Amino acid sequence: MKQWTLREVCALVGVSRRAVQGYEEIGMVVPVGKNKYGHLLYDEEAVETIRTIKMYRDFGFSVKDTAYLMKADDFVKKVCLKTRLSEMEKELEVLKANIKIVKKILE
């Protein structure tokens, strides 16, 4: 079974060391052991968990909400995602309007 160090996981998933350490502190991710140098090791399940956490964080969910979603059933996840999608669409409309304004200013 493949295992990765914290540095490798961060590079693989695109998260900071501090982020992963924070996820560990609140129990969202658990290392599977240490290598001969004392570096924490993470297995495929941990890497996938970190990828999922990153996805929710990229969607704009807080760490607390992400922790809740990680344990929620599919129905709750869908409700939360639909709500966030609606919020994201509104944010996008505001951004589009602001882009138009900036372009006019720059003309």
N, C-alpha and C. Protein backbone atom coordinates (compact mmCIF):
# COMPACT_ATOMS: atom_id res chain seq x y z
N MET A 1 0.85 -1.18 0.00
CA MET A 1 0.00 0.00 0.00
C MET A 1 0.90 1.25 0.00
N LYS A 2 0.61 2.16 -0.91
CA LYS A 2 1.39 3.40 -1.03
C LYS A 2 1.08 4.33 0.14
N GLN A 3 2.13 4.96 0.63
CA GLN A 3 2.00 5.96 1.69
C GLN A 3 2.83 7.17 1.32
N TRP A 4 2.35 8.35 1.72
CA TRP A 4 3.00 9.60 1.38
C TRP A 4 3.32 10.38 2.65
N THR A 5 4.40 11.17 2.59
CA THR A 5 4.73 12.08 3.69
C THR A 5 3.84 13.32 3.57
N LEU A 6 3.85 14.13 4.60
CA LEU A 6 3.06 15.36 4.60
C LEU A 6 3.47 16.24 3.42
N ARG A 7 4.76 16.38 3.19
CA ARG A 7 5.25 17.20 2.07
C ARG A 7 4.71 16.67 0.74
N GLU A 8 4.74 15.36 0.56
CA GLU A 8 4.25 14.75 -0.68
C GLU A 8 2.74 14.95 -0.84
N VAL A 9 2.01 14.79 0.24
CA VAL A 9 0.56 14.99 0.19
C VAL A 9 0.22 16.43 -0.20
N CYS A 10 0.92 17.37 0.40
CA CYS A 10 0.67 18.78 0.10
C CYS A 10 0.92 19.09 -1.38
N ALA A 11 2.00 18.54 -1.93
CA ALA A 11 2.31 18.76 -3.33
C ALA A 11 1.30 18.05 -4.23
N LEU A 12 0.90 16.88 -3.84
CA LEU A 12 -0.04 16.07 -4.62
C LEU A 12 -1.43 16.69 -4.70
N VAL A 13 -1.90 17.19 -3.57
CA VAL A 13 -3.28 17.70 -3.48
C VAL A 13 -3.35 19.21 -3.69
N GLY A 14 -2.26 19.91 -3.40
CA GLY A 14 -2.27 21.36 -3.56
C GLY A 14 -2.81 22.09 -2.35
N VAL A 15 -2.40 21.62 -1.17
CA VAL A 15 -2.79 22.26 0.09
C VAL A 15 -1.54 22.57 0.89
N SER A 16 -1.67 23.45 1.86
CA SER A 16 -0.52 23.80 2.70
C SER A 16 -0.35 22.79 3.83
N ARG A 17 0.86 22.75 4.36
CA ARG A 17 1.14 21.90 5.52
C ARG A 17 0.23 22.28 6.69
N ARG A 18 0.10 23.59 6.88
CA ARG A 18 -0.72 24.08 7.99
C ARG A 18 -2.18 23.64 7.85
N ALA A 19 -2.68 23.62 6.62
CA ALA A 19 -4.06 23.18 6.40
C ALA A 19 -4.22 21.73 6.85
N VAL A 20 -3.33 20.86 6.40
CA VAL A 20 -3.42 19.44 6.76
C VAL A 20 -3.26 19.28 8.27
N GLN A 21 -2.34 20.00 8.86
CA GLN A 21 -2.16 19.92 10.31
C GLN A 21 -3.43 20.37 11.04
N GLY A 22 -4.09 21.38 10.50
CA GLY A 22 -5.35 21.84 11.08
C GLY A 22 -6.44 20.78 10.97
N TYR A 23 -6.49 20.10 9.83
CA TYR A 23 -7.47 19.02 9.66
C TYR A 23 -7.20 17.88 10.64
N GLU A 24 -5.92 17.63 10.90
CA GLU A 24 -5.55 16.60 11.89
C GLU A 24 -6.01 17.01 13.28
N GLU A 25 -5.78 18.28 13.63
CA GLU A 25 -6.12 18.77 14.97
C GLU A 25 -7.59 18.58 15.30
N ILE A 26 -8.45 18.72 14.29
CA ILE A 26 -9.89 18.57 14.56
C ILE A 26 -10.41 17.18 14.20
N GLY A 27 -9.49 16.28 13.86
CA GLY A 27 -9.87 14.88 13.65
C GLY A 27 -10.43 14.54 12.28
N MET A 28 -10.26 15.41 11.31
CA MET A 28 -10.77 15.13 9.97
C MET A 28 -9.84 14.19 9.19
N VAL A 29 -8.55 14.21 9.51
CA VAL A 29 -7.55 13.39 8.83
C VAL A 29 -6.66 12.76 9.90
N VAL A 30 -6.32 11.51 9.68
CA VAL A 30 -5.46 10.80 10.63
C VAL A 30 -4.30 10.16 9.88
N PRO A 31 -3.07 10.50 10.24
CA PRO A 31 -1.93 9.83 9.60
C PRO A 31 -1.92 8.36 10.01
N VAL A 32 -1.32 7.53 9.15
CA VAL A 32 -1.31 6.09 9.43
C VAL A 32 -0.05 5.63 10.15
N GLY A 33 0.90 6.52 10.30
CA GLY A 33 2.13 6.16 10.99
C GLY A 33 3.24 7.14 10.69
N LYS A 34 4.47 6.69 10.94
CA LYS A 34 5.65 7.52 10.67
C LYS A 34 6.68 6.69 9.92
N ASN A 35 7.48 7.37 9.11
CA ASN A 35 8.57 6.66 8.43
C ASN A 35 9.79 6.61 9.35
N LYS A 36 10.89 6.05 8.85
CA LYS A 36 12.08 5.88 9.69
C LYS A 36 12.71 7.20 10.13
N TYR A 37 12.32 8.31 9.46
CA TYR A 37 12.83 9.63 9.82
C TYR A 37 11.89 10.37 10.77
N GLY A 38 10.78 9.74 11.11
CA GLY A 38 9.81 10.35 12.02
C GLY A 38 8.78 11.22 11.33
N HIS A 39 8.77 11.21 10.00
CA HIS A 39 7.77 12.00 9.26
C HIS A 39 6.45 11.26 9.21
N LEU A 40 5.36 12.00 9.42
CA LEU A 40 4.03 11.39 9.37
C LEU A 40 3.75 10.86 7.98
N LEU A 41 3.02 9.74 7.93
CA LEU A 41 2.65 9.12 6.66
C LEU A 41 1.13 9.07 6.52
N TYR A 42 0.69 9.20 5.29
CA TYR A 42 -0.74 9.21 4.97
C TYR A 42 -1.00 8.18 3.88
N ASP A 43 -2.11 7.43 4.03
CA ASP A 43 -2.45 6.43 3.03
C ASP A 43 -3.43 7.01 2.00
N GLU A 44 -3.84 6.17 1.06
CA GLU A 44 -4.74 6.58 -0.03
C GLU A 44 -6.05 7.17 0.52
N GLU A 45 -6.58 6.56 1.57
CA GLU A 45 -7.83 7.06 2.16
C GLU A 45 -7.66 8.47 2.71
N ALA A 46 -6.55 8.72 3.39
CA ALA A 46 -6.27 10.05 3.94
C ALA A 46 -6.11 11.08 2.81
N VAL A 47 -5.41 10.68 1.75
CA VAL A 47 -5.21 11.59 0.61
C VAL A 47 -6.56 11.93 -0.02
N GLU A 48 -7.41 10.94 -0.18
CA GLU A 48 -8.74 11.19 -0.76
C GLU A 48 -9.58 12.08 0.16
N THR A 49 -9.45 11.88 1.46
CA THR A 49 -10.15 12.74 2.42
C THR A 49 -9.68 14.18 2.28
N ILE A 50 -8.38 14.37 2.17
CA ILE A 50 -7.83 15.72 2.02
C ILE A 50 -8.29 16.34 0.71
N ARG A 51 -8.35 15.54 -0.36
CA ARG A 51 -8.87 16.04 -1.64
C ARG A 51 -10.32 16.50 -1.51
N THR A 52 -11.12 15.72 -0.81
CA THR A 52 -12.52 16.07 -0.61
C THR A 52 -12.64 17.34 0.23
N ILE A 53 -11.86 17.43 1.28
CA ILE A 53 -11.85 18.64 2.11
C ILE A 53 -11.49 19.85 1.26
N LYS A 54 -10.45 19.72 0.45
CA LYS A 54 -10.02 20.82 -0.42
C LYS A 54 -11.14 21.23 -1.38
N MET A 55 -11.84 20.24 -1.93
CA MET A 55 -12.95 20.54 -2.83
C MET A 55 -14.01 21.40 -2.12
N TYR A 56 -14.42 20.97 -0.94
CA TYR A 56 -15.43 21.74 -0.20
C TYR A 56 -14.92 23.13 0.16
N ARG A 57 -13.65 23.21 0.55
CA ARG A 57 -13.07 24.52 0.89
C ARG A 57 -13.02 25.42 -0.35
N ASP A 58 -12.67 24.83 -1.51
CA ASP A 58 -12.65 25.59 -2.77
C ASP A 58 -14.05 26.07 -3.14
N PHE A 59 -15.06 25.34 -2.74
CA PHE A 59 -16.45 25.75 -2.99
C PHE A 59 -16.87 26.88 -2.07
N GLY A 60 -16.06 27.16 -1.05
CA GLY A 60 -16.35 28.27 -0.15
C GLY A 60 -16.91 27.86 1.20
N PHE A 61 -16.93 26.58 1.48
CA PHE A 61 -17.41 26.13 2.79
C PHE A 61 -16.32 26.38 3.84
N SER A 62 -16.73 26.74 5.04
CA SER A 62 -15.79 26.91 6.15
C SER A 62 -15.26 25.54 6.57
N VAL A 63 -14.21 25.53 7.37
CA VAL A 63 -13.68 24.27 7.88
C VAL A 63 -14.74 23.57 8.71
N LYS A 64 -15.45 24.32 9.52
CA LYS A 64 -16.49 23.74 10.37
C LYS A 64 -17.59 23.11 9.51
N ASP A 65 -18.04 23.83 8.49
CA ASP A 65 -19.07 23.29 7.61
C ASP A 65 -18.55 22.08 6.83
N THR A 66 -17.29 22.14 6.44
CA THR A 66 -16.69 21.02 5.72
C THR A 66 -16.65 19.78 6.61
N ALA A 67 -16.28 19.95 7.86
CA ALA A 67 -16.25 18.82 8.80
C ALA A 67 -17.65 18.22 8.93
N TYR A 68 -18.67 19.07 8.97
CA TYR A 68 -20.05 18.61 9.04
C TYR A 68 -20.42 17.83 7.78
N LEU A 69 -20.07 18.38 6.61
CA LEU A 69 -20.39 17.74 5.35
C LEU A 69 -19.71 16.38 5.19
N MET A 70 -18.50 16.26 5.70
CA MET A 70 -17.76 15.01 5.58
C MET A 70 -18.48 13.85 6.28
N LYS A 71 -19.28 14.18 7.28
CA LYS A 71 -20.00 13.15 8.04
C LYS A 71 -21.47 13.04 7.64
N ALA A 72 -21.95 13.98 6.83
CA ALA A 72 -23.37 14.05 6.48
C ALA A 72 -23.75 12.98 5.46
N ASP A 73 -25.04 12.67 5.44
CA ASP A 73 -25.53 11.73 4.42
C ASP A 73 -25.70 12.47 3.09
N ASP A 74 -25.95 11.71 2.03
CA ASP A 74 -26.03 12.29 0.69
C ASP A 74 -27.11 13.35 0.56
N PHE A 75 -28.25 13.16 1.22
CA PHE A 75 -29.33 14.14 1.13
C PHE A 75 -28.88 15.50 1.68
N VAL A 76 -28.27 15.48 2.85
CA VAL A 76 -27.80 16.72 3.47
C VAL A 76 -26.72 17.37 2.60
N LYS A 77 -25.81 16.56 2.07
CA LYS A 77 -24.77 17.09 1.19
C LYS A 77 -25.38 17.79 -0.02
N LYS A 78 -26.39 17.17 -0.62
CA LYS A 78 -27.02 17.76 -1.80
C LYS A 78 -27.72 19.07 -1.45
N VAL A 79 -28.38 19.13 -0.33
CA VAL A 79 -29.06 20.36 0.09
C VAL A 79 -28.02 21.47 0.30
N CYS A 80 -26.95 21.15 0.98
CA CYS A 80 -25.89 22.14 1.23
C CYS A 80 -25.24 22.59 -0.07
N LEU A 81 -24.98 21.65 -0.96
CA LEU A 81 -24.36 21.99 -2.24
C LEU A 81 -25.29 22.84 -3.10
N LYS A 82 -26.58 22.54 -3.09
CA LYS A 82 -27.54 23.35 -3.86
C LYS A 82 -27.59 24.78 -3.32
N THR A 83 -27.57 24.91 -2.01
CA THR A 83 -27.57 26.24 -1.40
C THR A 83 -26.30 26.99 -1.77
N ARG A 84 -25.16 26.31 -1.68
CA ARG A 84 -23.90 26.97 -2.01
C ARG A 84 -23.82 27.32 -3.49
N LEU A 85 -24.36 26.45 -4.35
CA LEU A 85 -24.39 26.74 -5.78
C LEU A 85 -25.17 28.01 -6.06
N SER A 86 -26.30 28.17 -5.40
CA SER A 86 -27.09 29.38 -5.56
C SER A 86 -26.29 30.62 -5.13
N GLU A 87 -25.60 30.51 -4.01
CA GLU A 87 -24.76 31.61 -3.54
C GLU A 87 -23.64 31.92 -4.53
N MET A 88 -23.01 30.88 -5.06
CA MET A 88 -21.93 31.06 -6.02
C MET A 88 -22.42 31.74 -7.30
N GLU A 89 -23.62 31.37 -7.75
CA GLU A 89 -24.18 31.99 -8.95
C GLU A 89 -24.44 33.47 -8.72
N LYS A 90 -24.92 33.83 -7.53
CA LYS A 90 -25.12 35.24 -7.20
C LYS A 90 -23.79 35.99 -7.17
N GLU A 91 -22.77 35.36 -6.57
CA GLU A 91 -21.44 35.97 -6.53
C GLU A 91 -20.89 36.17 -7.94
N LEU A 92 -21.15 35.21 -8.82
CA LEU A 92 -20.69 35.31 -10.19
C LEU A 92 -21.34 36.48 -10.91
N GLU A 93 -22.62 36.69 -10.68
CA GLU A 93 -23.32 37.81 -11.31
C GLU A 93 -22.74 39.15 -10.85
N VAL A 94 -22.42 39.23 -9.57
CA VAL A 94 -21.80 40.46 -9.05
C VAL A 94 -20.44 40.66 -9.70
N LEU A 95 -19.66 39.60 -9.81
CA LEU A 95 -18.35 39.69 -10.45
C LEU A 95 -18.47 40.12 -11.91
N LYS A 96 -19.43 39.55 -12.62
CA LYS A 96 -19.63 39.92 -14.03
C LYS A 96 -19.98 41.41 -14.15
N ALA A 97 -20.84 41.89 -13.27
CA ALA A 97 -21.22 43.30 -13.29
C ALA A 97 -20.01 44.18 -13.00
N ASN A 98 -19.20 43.78 -12.03
CA ASN A 98 -18.00 44.55 -11.69
C ASN A 98 -16.98 44.53 -12.83
N ILE A 99 -16.86 43.41 -13.51
CA ILE A 99 -15.95 43.32 -14.66
C ILE A 99 -16.39 44.31 -15.75
N LYS A 100 -17.67 44.39 -16.01
CA LYS A 100 -18.19 45.34 -17.01
C LYS A 100 -17.83 46.78 -16.62
N ILE A 101 -18.00 47.08 -15.34
CA ILE A 101 -17.70 48.43 -14.87
C ILE A 101 -16.22 48.74 -15.04
N VAL A 102 -15.36 47.81 -14.67
CA VAL A 102 -13.92 48.01 -14.80
C VAL A 102 -13.55 48.18 -16.26
N LYS A 103 -14.12 47.39 -17.15
CA LYS A 103 -13.82 47.51 -18.58
C LYS A 103 -14.23 48.87 -19.11
N LYS A 104 -15.38 49.38 -18.66
CA LYS A 104 -15.81 50.71 -19.09
C LYS A 104 -14.85 51.80 -18.62
N ILE A 105 -14.41 51.65 -17.38
CA ILE A 105 -13.45 52.61 -16.82
C ILE A 105 -12.17 52.62 -17.63
N LEU A 106 -11.73 51.44 -18.06
CA LEU A 106 -10.48 51.31 -18.78
C LEU A 106 -10.56 51.71 -20.25
N GLU A 107 -11.75 51.90 -20.76
CA GLU A 107 -11.90 52.29 -22.18
C GLU A 107 -11.42 53.69 -22.43
